Amino acid sequence: MQNEAPPAEMNRRRTWPWVLAAMVILGVVLAVVWVRAEMRRIHEQREPDMPSSGGSLR
């Protein structure tokens, strides 16, 4: 059979799916980290540490 590729060529040809999978996983991880950071930032903006002005001051 002359159609069969040598083992080195088969290994090289099958490398790209792993690279693509790694990039997709990295993208998902970065998106989760970014969304969590934005959620924390928005939460801090909505609930400031300063006391409310509705209370009585003496």
PDB file of N, CA and C in Angstrom:
ATOM      1  N   MET A   1       0.824  -1.171   0.000  1.00  0.00           N
ATOM      2  CA  MET A   1       0.000   0.000   0.000  1.00  0.00           C
ATOM      3  C   MET A   1       0.878   1.248   0.000  1.00  0.00           C
ATOM      4  N   GLN A   2       0.728   2.044  -1.001  1.00  0.00           N
ATOM      5  CA  GLN A   2       1.531   3.249  -1.127  1.00  0.00           C
ATOM      6  C   GLN A   2       0.817   4.470  -0.554  1.00  0.00           C
ATOM      7  N   ASN A   3      -0.432   4.345  -0.181  1.00  0.00           N
ATOM      8  CA  ASN A   3      -1.190   5.476   0.331  1.00  0.00           C
ATOM      9  C   ASN A   3      -0.868   5.786   1.796  1.00  0.00           C
ATOM     10  N   GLU A   4      -0.310   4.841   2.518  1.00  0.00           N
ATOM     11  CA  GLU A   4      -0.066   5.036   3.939  1.00  0.00           C
ATOM     12  C   GLU A   4       1.050   6.057   4.157  1.00  0.00           C
ATOM     13  N   ALA A   5       0.794   6.960   5.082  1.00  0.00           N
ATOM     14  CA  ALA A   5       1.780   7.984   5.405  1.00  0.00           C
ATOM     15  C   ALA A   5       2.736   7.444   6.455  1.00  0.00           C
ATOM     16  N   PRO A   6       3.952   7.934   6.473  1.00  0.00           N
ATOM     17  CA  PRO A   6       4.888   7.520   7.514  1.00  0.00           C
ATOM     18  C   PRO A   6       4.388   7.976   8.892  1.00  0.00           C
ATOM     19  N   PRO A   7       4.790   7.301   9.957  1.00  0.00           N
ATOM     20  CA  PRO A   7       4.296   7.650  11.301  1.00  0.00           C
ATOM     21  C   PRO A   7       4.588   9.095  11.701  1.00  0.00           C
ATOM     22  N   ALA A   8       5.700   9.653  11.311  1.00  0.00           N
ATOM     23  CA  ALA A   8       6.029  11.030  11.678  1.00  0.00           C
ATOM     24  C   ALA A   8       5.019  12.003  11.069  1.00  0.00           C
ATOM     25  N   GLU A   9       4.608  11.762   9.845  1.00  0.00           N
ATOM     26  CA  GLU A   9       3.649  12.640   9.191  1.00  0.00           C
ATOM     27  C   GLU A   9       2.265  12.511   9.827  1.00  0.00           C
ATOM     28  N   MET A  10       1.893  11.323  10.245  1.00  0.00           N
ATOM     29  CA  MET A  10       0.600  11.129  10.902  1.00  0.00           C
ATOM     30  C   MET A  10       0.569  11.855  12.241  1.00  0.00           C
ATOM     31  N   ASN A  11       1.653  11.819  13.004  1.00  0.00           N
ATOM     32  CA  ASN A  11       1.701  12.506  14.286  1.00  0.00           C
ATOM     33  C   ASN A  11       1.602  14.011  14.101  1.00  0.00           C
ATOM     34  N   ARG A  12       2.265  14.533  13.107  1.00  0.00           N
ATOM     35  CA  ARG A  12       2.239  15.970  12.846  1.00  0.00           C
ATOM     36  C   ARG A  12       0.831  16.398  12.428  1.00  0.00           C
ATOM     37  N   ARG A  13       0.165  15.569  11.651  1.00  0.00           N
ATOM     38  CA  ARG A  13      -1.156  15.902  11.159  1.00  0.00           C
ATOM     39  C   ARG A  13      -2.184  15.883  12.290  1.00  0.00           C
ATOM     40  N   ARG A  14      -1.965  15.096  13.304  1.00  0.00           N
ATOM     41  CA  ARG A  14      -2.927  14.987  14.393  1.00  0.00           C
ATOM     42  C   ARG A  14      -2.623  15.931  15.557  1.00  0.00           C
ATOM     43  N   THR A  15      -1.679  16.812  15.418  1.00  0.00           N
ATOM     44  CA  THR A  15      -1.321  17.734  16.492  1.00  0.00           C
ATOM     45  C   THR A  15      -2.281  18.913  16.554  1.00  0.00           C
ATOM     46  N   TRP A  16      -2.776  19.385  15.410  1.00  0.00           N
ATOM     47  CA  TRP A  16      -3.580  20.601  15.395  1.00  0.00           C
ATOM     48  C   TRP A  16      -4.866  20.502  16.198  1.00  0.00           C
ATOM     49  N   PRO A  17      -5.546  19.349  16.299  1.00  0.00           N
ATOM     50  CA  PRO A  17      -6.756  19.337  17.138  1.00  0.00           C
ATOM     51  C   PRO A  17      -6.449  19.610  18.612  1.00  0.00           C
ATOM     52  N   TRP A  18      -5.297  19.159  19.087  1.00  0.00           N
ATOM     53  CA  TRP A  18      -4.921  19.413  20.483  1.00  0.00           C
ATOM     54  C   TRP A  18      -4.631  20.884  20.703  1.00  0.00           C
ATOM     55  N   VAL A  19      -3.994  21.510  19.733  1.00  0.00           N
ATOM     56  CA  VAL A  19      -3.711  22.949  19.835  1.00  0.00           C
ATOM     57  C   VAL A  19      -5.022  23.730  19.823  1.00  0.00           C
ATOM     58  N   LEU A  20      -5.929  23.356  18.953  1.00  0.00           N
ATOM     59  CA  LEU A  20      -7.228  24.017  18.883  1.00  0.00           C
ATOM     60  C   LEU A  20      -8.008  23.815  20.174  1.00  0.00           C
ATOM     61  N   ALA A  21      -8.008  22.609  20.709  1.00  0.00           N
ATOM     62  CA  ALA A  21      -8.710  22.338  21.966  1.00  0.00           C
ATOM     63  C   ALA A  21      -8.102  23.149  23.107  1.00  0.00           C
ATOM     64  N   ALA A  22      -6.791  23.263  23.148  1.00  0.00           N
ATOM     65  CA  ALA A  22      -6.130  24.041  24.197  1.00  0.00           C
ATOM     66  C   ALA A  22      -6.512  25.513  24.085  1.00  0.00           C
ATOM     67  N   MET A  23      -6.605  26.048  22.872  1.00  0.00           N
ATOM     68  CA  MET A  23      -6.984  27.448  22.703  1.00  0.00           C
ATOM     69  C   MET A  23      -8.434  27.681  23.115  1.00  0.00           C
ATOM     70  N   VAL A  24      -9.309  26.742  22.807  1.00  0.00           N
ATOM     71  CA  VAL A  24     -10.715  26.881  23.200  1.00  0.00           C
ATOM     72  C   VAL A  24     -10.839  26.845  24.716  1.00  0.00           C
ATOM     73  N   ILE A  25     -10.152  25.920  25.361  1.00  0.00           N
ATOM     74  CA  ILE A  25     -10.201  25.819  26.826  1.00  0.00           C
ATOM     75  C   ILE A  25      -9.626  27.076  27.461  1.00  0.00           C
ATOM     76  N   LEU A  26      -8.516  27.570  26.931  1.00  0.00           N
ATOM     77  CA  LEU A  26      -7.923  28.799  27.447  1.00  0.00           C
ATOM     78  C   LEU A  26      -8.885  29.971  27.291  1.00  0.00           C
ATOM     79  N   GLY A  27      -9.574  30.047  26.171  1.00  0.00           N
ATOM     80  CA  GLY A  27     -10.554  31.103  25.954  1.00  0.00           C
ATOM     81  C   GLY A  27     -11.695  31.044  26.957  1.00  0.00           C
ATOM     82  N   VAL A  28     -12.177  29.847  27.250  1.00  0.00           N
ATOM     83  CA  VAL A  28     -13.259  29.689  28.226  1.00  0.00           C
ATOM     84  C   VAL A  28     -12.782  30.098  29.613  1.00  0.00           C
ATOM     85  N   VAL A  29     -11.597  29.673  29.989  1.00  0.00           N
ATOM     86  CA  VAL A  29     -11.051  30.024  31.313  1.00  0.00           C
ATOM     87  C   VAL A  29     -10.878  31.532  31.434  1.00  0.00           C
ATOM     88  N   LEU A  30     -10.332  32.168  30.415  1.00  0.00           N
ATOM     89  CA  LEU A  30     -10.154  33.623  30.456  1.00  0.00           C
ATOM     90  C   LEU A  30     -11.494  34.349  30.510  1.00  0.00           C
ATOM     91  N   ALA A  31     -12.493  33.844  29.802  1.00  0.00           N
ATOM     92  CA  ALA A  31     -13.818  34.465  29.843  1.00  0.00           C
ATOM     93  C   ALA A  31     -14.427  34.358  31.233  1.00  0.00           C
ATOM     94  N   VAL A  32     -14.281  33.222  31.885  1.00  0.00           N
ATOM     95  CA  VAL A  32     -14.814  33.048  33.236  1.00  0.00           C
ATOM     96  C   VAL A  32     -14.112  33.988  34.209  1.00  0.00           C
ATOM     97  N   VAL A  33     -12.798  34.091  34.108  1.00  0.00           N
ATOM     98  CA  VAL A  33     -12.048  34.982  34.996  1.00  0.00           C
ATOM     99  C   VAL A  33     -12.472  36.429  34.769  1.00  0.00           C
ATOM    100  N   TRP A  34     -12.642  36.829  33.525  1.00  0.00           N
ATOM    101  CA  TRP A  34     -13.031  38.193  33.210  1.00  0.00           C
ATOM    102  C   TRP A  34     -14.430  38.501  33.736  1.00  0.00           C
ATOM    103  N   VAL A  35     -15.379  37.589  33.547  1.00  0.00           N
ATOM    104  CA  VAL A  35     -16.742  37.808  34.010  1.00  0.00           C
ATOM    105  C   VAL A  35     -16.779  37.896  35.533  1.00  0.00           C
ATOM    106  N   ARG A  36     -16.029  37.055  36.221  1.00  0.00           N
ATOM    107  CA  ARG A  36     -16.002  37.114  37.688  1.00  0.00           C
ATOM    108  C   ARG A  36     -15.433  38.443  38.171  1.00  0.00           C
ATOM    109  N   ALA A  37     -14.398  38.934  37.499  1.00  0.00           N
ATOM    110  CA  ALA A  37     -13.815  40.218  37.885  1.00  0.00           C
ATOM    111  C   ALA A  37     -14.815  41.348  37.654  1.00  0.00           C
ATOM    112  N   GLU A  38     -15.553  41.315  36.575  1.00  0.00           N
ATOM    113  CA  GLU A  38     -16.552  42.342  36.303  1.00  0.00           C
ATOM    114  C   GLU A  38     -17.702  42.259  37.304  1.00  0.00           C
ATOM    115  N   MET A  39     -18.111  41.052  37.671  1.00  0.00           N
ATOM    116  CA  MET A  39     -19.166  40.896  38.671  1.00  0.00           C
ATOM    117  C   MET A  39     -18.727  41.490  40.005  1.00  0.00           C
ATOM    118  N   ARG A  40     -17.492  41.242  40.393  1.00  0.00           N
ATOM    119  CA  ARG A  40     -16.976  41.783  41.651  1.00  0.00           C
ATOM    120  C   ARG A  40     -16.927  43.310  41.599  1.00  0.00           C
ATOM    121  N   ARG A  41     -16.497  43.850  40.462  1.00  0.00           N
ATOM    122  CA  ARG A  41     -16.406  45.308  40.316  1.00  0.00           C
ATOM    123  C   ARG A  41     -17.794  45.940  40.401  1.00  0.00           C
ATOM    124  N   ILE A  42     -18.778  45.364  39.742  1.00  0.00           N
ATOM    125  CA  ILE A  42     -20.138  45.901  39.767  1.00  0.00           C
ATOM    126  C   ILE A  42     -20.723  45.772  41.170  1.00  0.00           C
ATOM    127  N   HIS A  43     -20.465  44.677  41.836  1.00  0.00           N
ATOM    128  CA  HIS A  43     -20.969  44.486  43.198  1.00  0.00           C
ATOM    129  C   HIS A  43     -20.387  45.537  44.133  1.00  0.00           C
ATOM    130  N   GLU A  44     -19.115  45.846  43.986  1.00  0.00           N
ATOM    131  CA  GLU A  44     -18.490  46.872  44.826  1.00  0.00           C
ATOM    132  C   GLU A  44     -19.049  48.254  44.523  1.00  0.00           C
ATOM    133  N   GLN A  45     -19.407  48.515  43.280  1.00  0.00           N
ATOM    134  CA  GLN A  45     -19.975  49.812  42.929  1.00  0.00           C
ATOM    135  C   GLN A  45     -21.385  49.963  43.497  1.00  0.00           C
ATOM    136  N   ARG A  46     -22.140  48.887  43.545  1.00  0.00           N
ATOM    137  CA  ARG A  46     -23.514  48.958  44.027  1.00  0.00           C
ATOM    138  C   ARG A  46     -23.592  49.028  45.547  1.00  0.00           C
ATOM    139  N   GLU A  47     -22.628  48.454  46.244  1.00  0.00           N
ATOM    140  CA  GLU A  47     -22.630  48.443  47.695  1.00  0.00           C
ATOM    141  C   GLU A  47     -21.359  49.121  48.213  1.00  0.00           C
ATOM    142  N   PRO A  48     -21.354  50.438  48.250  1.00  0.00           N
ATOM    143  CA  PRO A  48     -20.153  51.124  48.744  1.00  0.00           C
ATOM    144  C   PRO A  48     -19.997  50.924  50.251  1.00  0.00           C
ATOM    145  N   ASP A  49     -18.789  51.107  50.742  1.00  0.00           N
ATOM    146  CA  ASP A  49     -18.499  50.932  52.160  1.00  0.00           C
ATOM    147  C   ASP A  49     -18.908  52.139  52.994  1.00  0.00           C
ATOM    148  N   MET A  50     -19.273  53.234  52.357  1.00  0.00           N
ATOM    149  CA  MET A  50     -19.640  54.447  53.083  1.00  0.00           C
ATOM    150  C   MET A  50     -21.019  54.256  53.716  1.00  0.00           C
ATOM    151  N   PRO A  51     -21.234  54.837  54.903  1.00  0.00           N
ATOM    152  CA  PRO A  51     -22.555  54.727  55.533  1.00  0.00           C
ATOM    153  C   PRO A  51     -23.592  55.519  54.751  1.00  0.00           C
ATOM    154  N   SER A  52     -24.841  55.099  54.854  1.00  0.00           N
ATOM    155  CA  SER A  52     -25.897  55.785  54.114  1.00  0.00           C
ATOM    156  C   SER A  52     -26.186  57.141  54.742  1.00  0.00           C
ATOM    157  N   SER A  53     -26.677  58.089  53.950  1.00  0.00           N
ATOM    158  CA  SER A  53     -26.962  59.429  54.443  1.00  0.00           C
ATOM    159  C   SER A  53     -28.335  59.506  55.088  1.00  0.00           C
ATOM    160  N   GLY A  54     -29.089  58.417  55.144  1.00  0.00           N
ATOM    161  CA  GLY A  54     -30.425  58.417  55.715  1.00  0.00           C
ATOM    162  C   GLY A  54     -30.420  58.396  57.235  1.00  0.00           C
ATOM    163  N   GLY A  55     -29.326  58.042  57.874  1.00  0.00           N
ATOM    164  CA  GLY A  55     -29.278  57.965  59.330  1.00  0.00           C
ATOM    165  C   GLY A  55     -29.070  59.319  59.966  1.00  0.00           C
ATOM    166  N   SER A  56     -29.344  59.401  61.261  1.00  0.00           N
ATOM    167  CA  SER A  56     -29.148  60.665  61.949  1.00  0.00           C
ATOM    168  C   SER A  56     -27.695  60.810  62.380  1.00  0.00           C
ATOM    169  N   LEU A  57     -27.163  61.992  62.236  1.00  0.00           N
ATOM    170  CA  LEU A  57     -25.787  62.278  62.621  1.00  0.00           C
ATOM    171  C   LEU A  57     -25.788  63.145  63.860  1.00  0.00           C
ATOM    172  N   ARG A  58     -24.965  62.856  64.831  1.00  0.00           N
ATOM    173  CA  ARG A  58     -24.905  63.666  66.057  1.00  0.00           C
ATOM    174  C   ARG A  58     -23.594  64.370  66.160  1.00  0.00           C
TER     175      ARG A  58
END
